[in-house]
C-alpha cells in the first residue's frame, strides 16, 4: 500500500471527519486508482483511503484504522447499513430506497439502491469498479434475499453505461412503492431507472418545509382577515355615528 504524507491542515481535516480527498491535499500525486495509507508530518498513521478521480475530488479517506478493502471489510459495512435501514424494511408502503450511500455508510465512491427484490450499483470512479467483484461478493453475503443486481457506470472511460451483474434478471419494467405511491422502473436501460432514490430525503424535507410554510400563511391570513373585519366593523360604526349626528343636526335646524 502506497504511503503518502499530508500537511498538518489536511491531517486536521481528516481527524475532524472529512473524507473527500482533493488534489490540493497533496504536494504530488502517485499513480491513481490504488489504495493508500496517509501519514502526518511526523510519520504518524492517519488511516487508509484510496486515490481515484471522479466528478468530485481525487479520492476518499476511508478509515483511521489500517483496514484492507477485502470481502470481509465490505460485508461488515453492508450489514451495518442494512441494520441502519430497518425502519425502511418495516414500512410496507415503501419497496425502493438507498441501501448504501457512499461515505455516509463508510466508503465513498459507490451507492446501492434497492428496487423491490433487485438492486442497482452505481460506480463513480475506476477504483471501485476495479474491486467490484469483491464488493458484489460481500453484498450477496449480507443481502442473500436480493434476487439480482445491475450496475451503472458513472465515470468516463468505458464503452457501456448499464449491465446485469449477478443473479436473476429483473422484468424489463416493474412497479415499486415509495410512501404508498407506485412508480414504474427499468433497471437496465441507460443510467436512469425512473426514480431518483437519492432525492427521497430531500423531497421529504421540502414537503415538511412546504407544509410548515402553508400553515404559517394560513395563520397569518386568518389574523389579517380578522383585523380587516374588525376595522370594517369599526369603520361602519363610525360612519353610522356620523350619519346619525348629521340627521340629528338637520332636525334641530
C-alpha atoms as a PDB file:
ATOM      1  CA  UNK A   1       0.000   0.000   0.000  1.00  0.00           C
ATOM      2  CA  UNK A   2       1.408   3.375  -1.045  1.00  0.00           C
ATOM      3  CA  UNK A   3       2.212   5.748   1.840  1.00  0.00           C
ATOM      4  CA  UNK A   4       1.618   9.486   1.407  1.00  0.00           C
ATOM      5  CA  UNK A   5       2.432  12.300   3.833  1.00  0.00           C
ATOM      6  CA  UNK A   6      -0.022  15.177   4.149  1.00  0.00           C
ATOM      7  CA  UNK A   7       0.188  18.618   5.741  1.00  0.00           C
ATOM      8  CA  UNK A   8      -0.961  19.479   9.245  1.00  0.00           C
ATOM      9  CA  UNK A   9      -4.011  21.224   7.776  1.00  0.00           C
ATOM     10  CA  UNK A  10      -5.076  18.132   5.809  1.00  0.00           C
ATOM     11  CA  UNK A  11      -4.428  15.902   8.832  1.00  0.00           C
ATOM     12  CA  UNK A  12      -6.706  18.141  10.910  1.00  0.00           C
ATOM     13  CA  UNK A  13      -9.404  17.944   8.230  1.00  0.00           C
ATOM     14  CA  UNK A  14      -9.314  14.147   8.249  1.00  0.00           C
ATOM     15  CA  UNK A  15      -9.391  13.943  12.046  1.00  0.00           C
ATOM     16  CA  UNK A  16     -12.480  16.179  12.006  1.00  0.00           C
ATOM     17  CA  UNK A  17     -14.306  13.618   9.901  1.00  0.00           C
ATOM     18  CA  UNK A  18     -13.972  14.948   6.363  1.00  0.00           C
ATOM     19  CA  UNK A  19     -13.435  12.114   3.913  1.00  0.00           C
ATOM     20  CA  UNK A  20     -13.164  13.659   0.442  1.00  0.00           C
ATOM     21  CA  UNK A  21      -9.567  13.906  -0.799  1.00  0.00           C
ATOM     22  CA  UNK A  22      -8.659  16.694  -3.217  1.00  0.00           C
ATOM     23  CA  UNK A  23      -5.659  17.396  -5.439  1.00  0.00           C
ATOM     24  CA  UNK A  24      -4.524  20.307  -3.286  1.00  0.00           C
ATOM     25  CA  UNK A  25      -4.245  17.942  -0.320  1.00  0.00           C
ATOM     26  CA  UNK A  26      -1.030  16.504  -1.820  1.00  0.00           C
ATOM     27  CA  UNK A  27       2.255  18.055  -2.945  1.00  0.00           C
ATOM     28  CA  UNK A  28       2.479  15.435  -5.675  1.00  0.00           C
ATOM     29  CA  UNK A  29       0.249  12.546  -6.671  1.00  0.00           C
ATOM     30  CA  UNK A  30       1.369   8.979  -7.432  1.00  0.00           C
ATOM     31  CA  UNK A  31      -0.484   6.779  -9.893  1.00  0.00           C
ATOM     32  CA  UNK A  32      -4.224   6.875  -9.332  1.00  0.00           C
ATOM     33  CA  UNK A  33      -6.666   4.008  -8.731  1.00  0.00           C
ATOM     34  CA  UNK A  34      -4.880   2.477  -5.764  1.00  0.00           C
ATOM     35  CA  UNK A  35      -5.265   2.154  -2.004  1.00  0.00           C
ATOM     36  CA  UNK A  36      -3.101   4.465   0.120  1.00  0.00           C
ATOM     37  CA  UNK A  37      -2.042   4.984   3.717  1.00  0.00           C
ATOM     38  CA  UNK A  38      -1.921   8.601   4.864  1.00  0.00           C
ATOM     39  CA  UNK A  39       0.715   9.848   7.291  1.00  0.00           C
ATOM     40  CA  UNK A  40       1.078  13.067   9.256  1.00  0.00           C
ATOM     41  CA  UNK A  41       4.209  15.196   9.007  1.00  0.00           C
ATOM     42  CA  UNK A  42       5.798  13.408  11.971  1.00  0.00           C
ATOM     43  CA  UNK A  43       5.170   9.987  10.437  1.00  0.00           C
ATOM     44  CA  UNK A  44       2.086   9.023  12.456  1.00  0.00           C
ATOM     45  CA  UNK A  45      -0.528   6.964  10.624  1.00  0.00           C
ATOM     46  CA  UNK A  46      -3.780   8.832   9.945  1.00  0.00           C
ATOM     47  CA  UNK A  47      -5.520   5.904   8.296  1.00  0.00           C
ATOM     48  CA  UNK A  48      -6.252   4.499   4.860  1.00  0.00           C
ATOM     49  CA  UNK A  49      -8.131   5.548   1.748  1.00  0.00           C
ATOM     50  CA  UNK A  50      -7.710   5.418  -1.991  1.00  0.00           C
ATOM     51  CA  UNK A  51      -6.991   7.654  -4.976  1.00  0.00           C
ATOM     52  CA  UNK A  52      -9.301   7.666  -7.979  1.00  0.00           C
ATOM     53  CA  UNK A  53     -10.662  10.637  -9.881  1.00  0.00           C
ATOM     54  CA  UNK A  54     -14.408  11.192 -10.094  1.00  0.00           C
ATOM     55  CA  UNK A  55     -16.797  14.105 -10.561  1.00  0.00           C
ATOM     56  CA  UNK A  56     -15.693  15.500  -7.188  1.00  0.00           C
ATOM     57  CA  UNK A  57     -12.295  15.118  -5.597  1.00  0.00           C
ATOM     58  CA  UNK A  58      -9.375  12.822  -6.288  1.00  0.00           C
ATOM     59  CA  UNK A  59     -10.199  10.056  -3.823  1.00  0.00           C
ATOM     60  CA  UNK A  60     -11.609   9.134  -0.424  1.00  0.00           C
ATOM     61  CA  UNK A  61     -10.328   8.730   3.108  1.00  0.00           C
ATOM     62  CA  UNK A  62     -11.987   5.578   4.435  1.00  0.00           C
ATOM     63  CA  UNK A  63     -10.839   4.665   7.934  1.00  0.00           C
ATOM     64  CA  UNK A  64      -8.463   5.701  10.694  1.00  0.00           C
ATOM     65  CA  UNK A  65      -7.732   2.006  11.165  1.00  0.00           C
ATOM     66  CA  UNK A  66      -5.363   0.115   8.865  1.00  0.00           C
ATOM     67  CA  UNK A  67      -8.117  -1.880   7.181  1.00  0.00           C
ATOM     68  CA  UNK A  68      -7.864  -3.888   3.988  1.00  0.00           C
ATOM     69  CA  UNK A  69     -10.521  -3.431   1.328  1.00  0.00           C
ATOM     70  CA  UNK A  70     -11.386  -7.118   1.182  1.00  0.00           C
ATOM     71  CA  UNK A  71     -14.674  -9.046   1.143  1.00  0.00           C
ATOM     72  CA  UNK A  72     -14.934  -9.208   4.927  1.00  0.00           C
ATOM     73  CA  UNK A  73     -14.472  -5.435   5.210  1.00  0.00           C
ATOM     74  CA  UNK A  74     -17.301  -4.697   2.786  1.00  0.00           C
ATOM     75  CA  UNK A  75     -19.556  -7.363   4.292  1.00  0.00           C
ATOM     76  CA  UNK A  76     -19.345  -5.619   7.671  1.00  0.00           C
ATOM     77  CA  UNK A  77     -20.188  -2.270   6.052  1.00  0.00           C
ATOM     78  CA  UNK A  78     -23.211  -3.765   4.280  1.00  0.00           C
ATOM     79  CA  UNK A  79     -24.537  -5.473   7.424  1.00  0.00           C
ATOM     80  CA  UNK A  80     -24.247  -2.206   9.338  1.00  0.00           C
ATOM     81  CA  UNK A  81     -26.034  -0.317   6.536  1.00  0.00           C
ATOM     82  CA  UNK A  82     -28.787  -2.939   6.485  1.00  0.00           C
ATOM     83  CA  UNK A  83     -29.377  -2.634  10.233  1.00  0.00           C
ATOM     84  CA  UNK A  84     -29.483   1.145   9.935  1.00  0.00           C
ATOM     85  CA  UNK A  85     -32.370   0.854   7.439  1.00  0.00           C
ATOM     86  CA  UNK A  86     -34.607  -1.422   9.495  1.00  0.00           C
ATOM     87  CA  UNK A  87     -37.374   1.195   9.503  1.00  0.00           C
ATOM     88  CA  UNK A  88     -37.474   1.171   5.691  1.00  0.00           C
ATOM     89  CA  UNK A  89     -37.757  -2.617   5.609  1.00  0.00           C
ATOM     90  CA  UNK A  90     -40.617  -2.450   8.120  1.00  0.00           C
ATOM     91  CA  UNK A  91     -42.527   0.102   6.015  1.00  0.00           C
ATOM     92  CA  UNK A  92     -44.979  -1.775   3.785  1.00  0.00           C
ATOM     93  CA  UNK A  93     -45.654   1.373   1.746  1.00  0.00           C
ATOM     94  CA  UNK A  94     -42.037   1.605   0.522  1.00  0.00           C
ATOM     95  CA  UNK A  95     -40.193  -1.051  -1.507  1.00  0.00           C
ATOM     96  CA  UNK A  96     -37.420   1.084  -3.008  1.00  0.00           C
ATOM     97  CA  UNK A  97     -34.744   3.045  -1.159  1.00  0.00           C
ATOM     98  CA  UNK A  98     -30.980   3.607  -0.966  1.00  0.00           C
ATOM     99  CA  UNK A  99     -29.245   0.703   0.772  1.00  0.00           C
ATOM    100  CA  UNK A 100     -25.714   2.091   0.747  1.00  0.00           C
ATOM    101  CA  UNK A 101     -24.821   5.753   0.362  1.00  0.00           C
ATOM    102  CA  UNK A 102     -21.112   6.265  -0.266  1.00  0.00           C
ATOM    103  CA  UNK A 103     -19.131   7.867   2.583  1.00  0.00           C
ATOM    104  CA  UNK A 104     -22.280   8.103   4.691  1.00  0.00           C
ATOM    105  CA  UNK A 105     -22.077   4.319   5.061  1.00  0.00           C
ATOM    106  CA  UNK A 106     -18.303   4.124   5.305  1.00  0.00           C
ATOM    107  CA  UNK A 107     -16.925   4.025   1.756  1.00  0.00           C
ATOM    108  CA  UNK A 108     -17.136   6.823  -0.802  1.00  0.00           C
ATOM    109  CA  UNK A 109     -17.305   6.058  -4.499  1.00  0.00           C
ATOM    110  CA  UNK A 110     -20.359   3.847  -4.960  1.00  0.00           C
ATOM    111  CA  UNK A 111     -24.018   3.551  -4.000  1.00  0.00           C
ATOM    112  CA  UNK A 112     -26.502   0.678  -3.880  1.00  0.00           C
ATOM    113  CA  UNK A 113     -30.230   1.231  -4.467  1.00  0.00           C
ATOM    114  CA  UNK A 114     -32.955  -1.320  -3.772  1.00  0.00           C
ATOM    115  CA  UNK A 115     -35.854  -1.690  -6.219  1.00  0.00           C
ATOM    116  CA  UNK A 116     -38.184  -4.326  -4.813  1.00  0.00           C
ATOM    117  CA  UNK A 117     -36.179  -7.571  -4.959  1.00  0.00           C
ATOM    118  CA  UNK A 118     -33.375  -6.190  -7.138  1.00  0.00           C
ATOM    119  CA  UNK A 119     -30.525  -3.720  -6.637  1.00  0.00           C
ATOM    120  CA  UNK A 120     -28.542  -1.232  -8.694  1.00  0.00           C
ATOM    121  CA  UNK A 121     -24.866  -0.494  -8.003  1.00  0.00           C
ATOM    122  CA  UNK A 122     -23.570   2.888  -9.201  1.00  0.00           C
ATOM    123  CA  UNK A 123     -19.788   3.101  -9.631  1.00  0.00           C
ATOM    124  CA  UNK A 124     -18.437   6.667  -9.523  1.00  0.00           C
ATOM    125  CA  UNK A 125     -14.732   6.069 -10.175  1.00  0.00           C
ATOM    126  CA  UNK A 126     -12.371   3.476 -11.715  1.00  0.00           C
ATOM    127  CA  UNK A 127     -11.020   2.180  -8.384  1.00  0.00           C
ATOM    128  CA  UNK A 128     -14.352   0.899  -7.061  1.00  0.00           C
ATOM    129  CA  UNK A 129     -15.018  -0.577 -10.496  1.00  0.00           C
ATOM    130  CA  UNK A 130     -11.684  -2.428 -10.248  1.00  0.00           C
ATOM    131  CA  UNK A 131     -12.704  -4.063  -6.971  1.00  0.00           C
ATOM    132  CA  UNK A 132     -16.379  -4.530  -7.835  1.00  0.00           C
ATOM    133  CA  UNK A 133     -16.215  -8.350  -7.736  1.00  0.00           C
ATOM    134  CA  UNK A 134     -15.108  -8.144  -4.093  1.00  0.00           C
ATOM    135  CA  UNK A 135     -17.926  -5.681  -3.359  1.00  0.00           C
ATOM    136  CA  UNK A 136     -20.525  -7.807  -5.164  1.00  0.00           C
ATOM    137  CA  UNK A 137     -19.483 -10.960  -3.317  1.00  0.00           C
ATOM    138  CA  UNK A 138     -19.681  -9.186   0.054  1.00  0.00           C
ATOM    139  CA  UNK A 139     -23.079  -7.731  -0.823  1.00  0.00           C
ATOM    140  CA  UNK A 140     -24.529 -11.135  -1.692  1.00  0.00           C
ATOM    141  CA  UNK A 141     -23.418 -12.482   1.688  1.00  0.00           C
ATOM    142  CA  UNK A 142     -25.047  -9.582   3.540  1.00  0.00           C
ATOM    143  CA  UNK A 143     -28.200  -9.475   1.366  1.00  0.00           C
ATOM    144  CA  UNK A 144     -28.922 -13.083   0.288  1.00  0.00           C
ATOM    145  CA  UNK A 145     -32.608 -12.217  -0.204  1.00  0.00           C
ATOM    146  CA  UNK A 146     -31.877  -9.902  -3.149  1.00  0.00           C
ATOM    147  CA  UNK A 147     -32.624 -11.793  -6.363  1.00  0.00           C
ATOM    148  CA  UNK A 148     -30.309  -9.949  -8.746  1.00  0.00           C
ATOM    149  CA  UNK A 149     -28.179  -6.869  -9.358  1.00  0.00           C
ATOM    150  CA  UNK A 150     -27.375  -4.320 -12.039  1.00  0.00           C
ATOM    151  CA  UNK A 151     -24.641  -1.715 -12.404  1.00  0.00           C
ATOM    152  CA  UNK A 152     -24.479   1.881 -13.654  1.00  0.00           C
ATOM    153  CA  UNK A 153     -21.147   3.312 -14.821  1.00  0.00           C
ATOM    154  CA  UNK A 154     -20.998   6.936 -13.728  1.00  0.00           C
ATOM    155  CA  UNK A 155     -17.467   7.794 -14.785  1.00  0.00           C
ATOM    156  CA  UNK A 156     -15.885   8.202 -18.209  1.00  0.00           C
ATOM    157  CA  UNK A 157     -13.714   5.635 -19.946  1.00  0.00           C
ATOM    158  CA  UNK A 158     -15.896   2.570 -20.507  1.00  0.00           C
ATOM    159  CA  UNK A 159     -17.930   1.751 -23.590  1.00  0.00           C
ATOM    160  CA  UNK A 160     -21.166   0.946 -21.729  1.00  0.00           C
ATOM    161  CA  UNK A 161     -23.377   2.549 -19.070  1.00  0.00           C
ATOM    162  CA  UNK A 162     -25.522  -0.250 -17.682  1.00  0.00           C
ATOM    163  CA  UNK A 163     -25.359  -4.022 -17.278  1.00  0.00           C
ATOM    164  CA  UNK A 164     -26.697  -7.007 -15.359  1.00  0.00           C
ATOM    165  CA  UNK A 165     -24.010  -8.179 -12.880  1.00  0.00           C
ATOM    166  CA  UNK A 166     -25.393 -11.129 -10.889  1.00  0.00           C
ATOM    167  CA  UNK A 167     -28.409 -13.282 -10.083  1.00  0.00           C
ATOM    168  CA  UNK A 168     -31.760 -13.195 -11.819  1.00  0.00           C
ATOM    169  CA  UNK A 169     -32.684 -10.589 -14.385  1.00  0.00           C
ATOM    170  CA  UNK A 170     -35.479  -8.203 -13.436  1.00  0.00           C
ATOM    171  CA  UNK A 171     -38.528  -7.688 -15.646  1.00  0.00           C
ATOM    172  CA  UNK A 172     -37.922  -5.038 -18.277  1.00  0.00           C
ATOM    173  CA  UNK A 173     -40.337  -2.759 -16.390  1.00  0.00           C
ATOM    174  CA  UNK A 174     -41.988  -3.271 -12.999  1.00  0.00           C
ATOM    175  CA  UNK A 175     -43.615  -1.322 -10.188  1.00  0.00           C
ATOM    176  CA  UNK A 176     -42.132  -0.260  -6.854  1.00  0.00           C
ATOM    177  CA  UNK A 177     -43.701   1.681  -3.976  1.00  0.00           C
ATOM    178  CA  UNK A 178     -42.458   4.872  -2.342  1.00  0.00           C
ATOM    179  CA  UNK A 179     -44.624   6.171   0.519  1.00  0.00           C
ATOM    180  CA  UNK A 180     -47.598   4.325  -0.954  1.00  0.00           C
ATOM    181  CA  UNK A 181     -47.147   5.758  -4.456  1.00  0.00           C
ATOM    182  CA  UNK A 182     -46.424   3.370  -7.345  1.00  0.00           C
ATOM    183  CA  UNK A 183     -43.612   4.107  -9.792  1.00  0.00           C
ATOM    184  CA  UNK A 184     -42.682   2.171 -12.905  1.00  0.00           C
ATOM    185  CA  UNK A 185     -38.945   1.479 -13.035  1.00  0.00           C
ATOM    186  CA  UNK A 186     -36.498  -0.047 -15.527  1.00  0.00           C
ATOM    187  CA  UNK A 187     -33.090  -1.193 -14.331  1.00  0.00           C
ATOM    188  CA  UNK A 188     -31.071  -1.851 -17.483  1.00  0.00           C
ATOM    189  CA  UNK A 189     -31.835   0.999 -19.862  1.00  0.00           C
ATOM    190  CA  UNK A 190     -29.042   3.591 -19.650  1.00  0.00           C
ATOM    191  CA  UNK A 191     -28.199   5.488 -16.479  1.00  0.00           C
ATOM    192  CA  UNK A 192     -31.765   6.286 -15.433  1.00  0.00           C
ATOM    193  CA  UNK A 193     -34.170   3.961 -13.608  1.00  0.00           C
ATOM    194  CA  UNK A 194     -37.360   6.033 -13.489  1.00  0.00           C
ATOM    195  CA  UNK A 195     -36.973   7.423  -9.948  1.00  0.00           C
ATOM    196  CA  UNK A 196     -34.195   9.211  -8.036  1.00  0.00           C
ATOM    197  CA  UNK A 197     -33.887   7.350  -4.736  1.00  0.00           C
ATOM    198  CA  UNK A 198     -31.102   9.677  -3.536  1.00  0.00           C
ATOM    199  CA  UNK A 199     -33.644  12.528  -3.565  1.00  0.00           C
ATOM    200  CA  UNK A 200     -36.245  10.952  -1.250  1.00  0.00           C
ATOM    201  CA  UNK A 201     -34.838  12.546   1.905  1.00  0.00           C
ATOM    202  CA  UNK A 202     -34.698  15.922   0.195  1.00  0.00           C
ATOM    203  CA  UNK A 203     -38.274  15.520  -1.040  1.00  0.00           C
ATOM    204  CA  UNK A 204     -39.467  14.692   2.476  1.00  0.00           C
ATOM    205  CA  UNK A 205     -37.586  17.708   3.823  1.00  0.00           C
ATOM    206  CA  UNK A 206     -39.029  20.032   1.171  1.00  0.00           C
ATOM    207  CA  UNK A 207     -42.529  18.699   1.797  1.00  0.00           C
ATOM    208  CA  UNK A 208     -42.213  19.428   5.508  1.00  0.00           C
ATOM    209  CA  UNK A 209     -40.892  22.916   4.715  1.00  0.00           C
ATOM    210  CA  UNK A 210     -43.852  23.485   2.380  1.00  0.00           C
ATOM    211  CA  UNK A 211     -46.391  22.291   4.948  1.00  0.00           C
ATOM    212  CA  UNK A 212     -44.829  24.491   7.628  1.00  0.00           C
ATOM    213  CA  UNK A 213     -44.906  27.489   5.292  1.00  0.00           C
ATOM    214  CA  UNK A 214     -48.502  26.714   4.290  1.00  0.00           C
ATOM    215  CA  UNK A 215     -49.657  26.565   7.907  1.00  0.00           C
ATOM    216  CA  UNK A 216     -47.911  29.861   8.717  1.00  0.00           C
ATOM    217  CA  UNK A 217     -49.570  31.515   5.708  1.00  0.00           C
ATOM    218  CA  UNK A 218     -52.991  30.250   6.841  1.00  0.00           C
ATOM    219  CA  UNK A 219     -52.460  31.580  10.350  1.00  0.00           C
ATOM    220  CA  UNK A 220     -51.271  34.965   9.039  1.00  0.00           C
ATOM    221  CA  UNK A 221     -54.189  35.108   6.583  1.00  0.00           C
ATOM    222  CA  UNK A 222     -56.716  34.359   9.318  1.00  0.00           C
ATOM    223  CA  UNK A 223     -55.239  37.014  11.585  1.00  0.00           C
ATOM    224  CA  UNK A 224     -55.187  39.553   8.751  1.00  0.00           C
ATOM    225  CA  UNK A 225     -58.786  38.743   7.825  1.00  0.00           C
ATOM    226  CA  UNK A 226     -59.840  39.133  11.450  1.00  0.00           C
ATOM    227  CA  UNK A 227     -58.088  42.522  11.704  1.00  0.00           C
ATOM    228  CA  UNK A 228     -59.608  43.724   8.436  1.00  0.00           C
ATOM    229  CA  UNK A 229     -63.047  42.579   9.555  1.00  0.00           C
ATOM    230  CA  UNK A 230     -62.621  44.390  12.868  1.00  0.00           C
ATOM    231  CA  UNK A 231     -61.528  47.580  11.080  1.00  0.00           C
ATOM    232  CA  UNK A 232     -64.525  47.338   8.738  1.00  0.00           C
ATOM    233  CA  UNK A 233     -66.881  46.987  11.684  1.00  0.00           C
ATOM    234  CA  UNK A 234     -65.251  49.951  13.397  1.00  0.00           C
ATOM    235  CA  UNK A 235     -65.376  51.960  10.183  1.00  0.00           C
ATOM    236  CA  UNK A 236     -69.049  51.098   9.644  1.00  0.00           C
ATOM    237  CA  UNK A 237     -69.816  52.046  13.239  1.00  0.00           C
ATOM    238  CA  UNK A 238     -68.050  55.400  12.773  1.00  0.00           C
ATOM    239  CA  UNK A 239     -69.936  56.041   9.534  1.00  0.00           C
ATOM    240  CA  UNK A 240     -73.252  55.267  11.224  1.00  0.00           C
ATOM    241  CA  UNK A 241     -72.424  57.685  14.035  1.00  0.00           C
ATOM    242  CA  UNK A 242     -71.629  60.471  11.548  1.00  0.00           C
ATOM    243  CA  UNK A 243     -74.878  59.866   9.668  1.00  0.00           C
ATOM    244  CA  UNK A 244     -76.901  59.913  12.891  1.00  0.00           C
ATOM    245  CA  UNK A 245     -75.196  63.109  14.033  1.00  0.00           C
ATOM    246  CA  UNK A 246     -75.936  64.780  10.690  1.00  0.00           C
ATOM    247  CA  UNK A 247     -79.531  63.616  10.881  1.00  0.00           C
ATOM    248  CA  UNK A 248     -79.977  64.964  14.435  1.00  0.00           C
ATOM    249  CA  UNK A 249     -78.369  68.258  13.424  1.00  0.00           C
ATOM    250  CA  UNK A 250     -80.713  68.657  10.454  1.00  0.00           C
ATOM    251  CA  UNK A 251     -83.748  68.022  12.653  1.00  0.00           C
ATOM    252  CA  UNK A 252     -82.660  70.710  15.065  1.00  0.00           C
ATOM    253  CA  UNK A 253     -82.114  73.118  12.200  1.00  0.00           C
END
